[in-house]
Amino acid sequence: MARKLDDVIKGLPIDQQQEIEELAAHLIDTEMTLRDSRIATLLCSPVSAHSLHTNGRAVL
C-alpha cells in the first residue's frame, strides 16, 4: 500500500521536518502574493484602460 506524504515527513529527522515546513510556508506565501498581483491586475486593467481611452487587452 502507498504511504502518505505526512507519514513520510513524520519519519524524517526533526530538522528536516522543520525545513520542509518553512519551505512550504514560503511557497504558499509566494503563491498568495502572485495570486493577489494577478487579481489586482485584472481589477485595475479596466480602470487603466478607461483612463487611457483604450480597451483592457491593450493594458494587459
C-alpha atoms as a PDB file:
ATOM      1  CA  MET A   1       0.000   0.000   0.000  1.00  0.00           C
ATOM      2  CA  ALA A   2       1.210   3.519  -0.761  1.00  0.00           C
ATOM      3  CA  ARG A   3       2.499   5.673   2.064  1.00  0.00           C
ATOM      4  CA  LYS A   4       1.054   9.098   2.701  1.00  0.00           C
ATOM      5  CA  LEU A   5       3.289  12.142   2.413  1.00  0.00           C
ATOM      6  CA  ASP A   6       2.558  13.104   6.023  1.00  0.00           C
ATOM      7  CA  ASP A   7       3.780   9.679   7.149  1.00  0.00           C
ATOM      8  CA  VAL A   8       6.982  10.047   5.148  1.00  0.00           C
ATOM      9  CA  ILE A   9       7.630  13.507   6.593  1.00  0.00           C
ATOM     10  CA  LYS A  10       6.975  12.288  10.140  1.00  0.00           C
ATOM     11  CA  GLY A  11       9.677   9.658   9.595  1.00  0.00           C
ATOM     12  CA  LEU A  12      12.298  12.298   8.828  1.00  0.00           C
ATOM     13  CA  PRO A  13      14.562  13.932  11.406  1.00  0.00           C
ATOM     14  CA  ILE A  14      13.072  16.967  13.162  1.00  0.00           C
ATOM     15  CA  ASP A  15      15.432  19.434  11.455  1.00  0.00           C
ATOM     16  CA  GLN A  16      14.368  18.182   8.016  1.00  0.00           C
ATOM     17  CA  GLN A  17      10.697  18.356   9.026  1.00  0.00           C
ATOM     18  CA  GLN A  18      11.175  21.977  10.091  1.00  0.00           C
ATOM     19  CA  GLU A  19      12.988  22.780   6.852  1.00  0.00           C
ATOM     20  CA  ILE A  20      10.119  21.290   4.840  1.00  0.00           C
ATOM     21  CA  GLU A  21       7.563  23.256   6.865  1.00  0.00           C
ATOM     22  CA  GLU A  22       9.492  26.512   6.331  1.00  0.00           C
ATOM     23  CA  LEU A  23       9.818  25.872   2.601  1.00  0.00           C
ATOM     24  CA  ALA A  24       6.126  25.018   2.318  1.00  0.00           C
ATOM     25  CA  ALA A  25       5.174  28.219   4.158  1.00  0.00           C
ATOM     26  CA  HIS A  26       7.435  30.251   1.858  1.00  0.00           C
ATOM     27  CA  LEU A  27       5.926  28.670  -1.266  1.00  0.00           C
ATOM     28  CA  ILE A  28       2.397  29.316  -0.005  1.00  0.00           C
ATOM     29  CA  ASP A  29       3.261  32.964   0.720  1.00  0.00           C
ATOM     30  CA  THR A  30       4.762  33.342  -2.748  1.00  0.00           C
ATOM     31  CA  GLU A  31       1.699  31.800  -4.379  1.00  0.00           C
ATOM     32  CA  MET A  32      -0.629  34.089  -2.438  1.00  0.00           C
ATOM     33  CA  THR A  33       1.444  37.129  -3.441  1.00  0.00           C
ATOM     34  CA  LEU A  34       1.320  36.129  -7.101  1.00  0.00           C
ATOM     35  CA  ARG A  35      -2.406  35.437  -6.880  1.00  0.00           C
ATOM     36  CA  ASP A  36      -3.008  38.833  -5.274  1.00  0.00           C
ATOM     37  CA  SER A  37      -0.959  40.517  -8.011  1.00  0.00           C
ATOM     38  CA  ARG A  38      -2.950  38.782 -10.750  1.00  0.00           C
ATOM     39  CA  ILE A  39      -6.248  39.769  -9.171  1.00  0.00           C
ATOM     40  CA  ALA A  40      -5.101  43.372  -8.732  1.00  0.00           C
ATOM     41  CA  THR A  41      -4.015  43.482 -12.371  1.00  0.00           C
ATOM     42  CA  LEU A  42      -7.365  42.158 -13.546  1.00  0.00           C
ATOM     43  CA  LEU A  43      -9.250  44.631 -11.366  1.00  0.00           C
ATOM     44  CA  CYS A  44      -7.114  47.618 -12.371  1.00  0.00           C
ATOM     45  CA  SER A  45      -6.940  46.935 -16.098  1.00  0.00           C
ATOM     46  CA  PRO A  46     -10.424  48.255 -16.965  1.00  0.00           C
ATOM     47  CA  VAL A  47      -9.832  51.405 -14.916  1.00  0.00           C
ATOM     48  CA  SER A  48      -6.437  51.969 -16.518  1.00  0.00           C
ATOM     49  CA  ALA A  49      -7.832  51.248 -19.964  1.00  0.00           C
ATOM     50  CA  HIS A  50     -10.636  53.733 -19.451  1.00  0.00           C
ATOM     51  CA  SER A  51      -8.148  56.389 -18.341  1.00  0.00           C
ATOM     52  CA  LEU A  52      -6.010  55.705 -21.414  1.00  0.00           C
ATOM     53  CA  HIS A  53      -9.034  55.638 -23.725  1.00  0.00           C
ATOM     54  CA  THR A  54      -8.290  52.091 -24.920  1.00  0.00           C
ATOM     55  CA  ASN A  55      -9.506  48.577 -24.220  1.00  0.00           C
ATOM     56  CA  GLY A  56      -8.435  46.283 -21.358  1.00  0.00           C
ATOM     57  CA  ARG A  57      -6.385  43.998 -23.610  1.00  0.00           C
ATOM     58  CA  ALA A  58      -4.093  46.881 -24.558  1.00  0.00           C
ATOM     59  CA  VAL A  59      -3.320  47.464 -20.884  1.00  0.00           C
ATOM     60  CA  LEU A  60      -2.535  43.831 -20.038  1.00  0.00           C
END
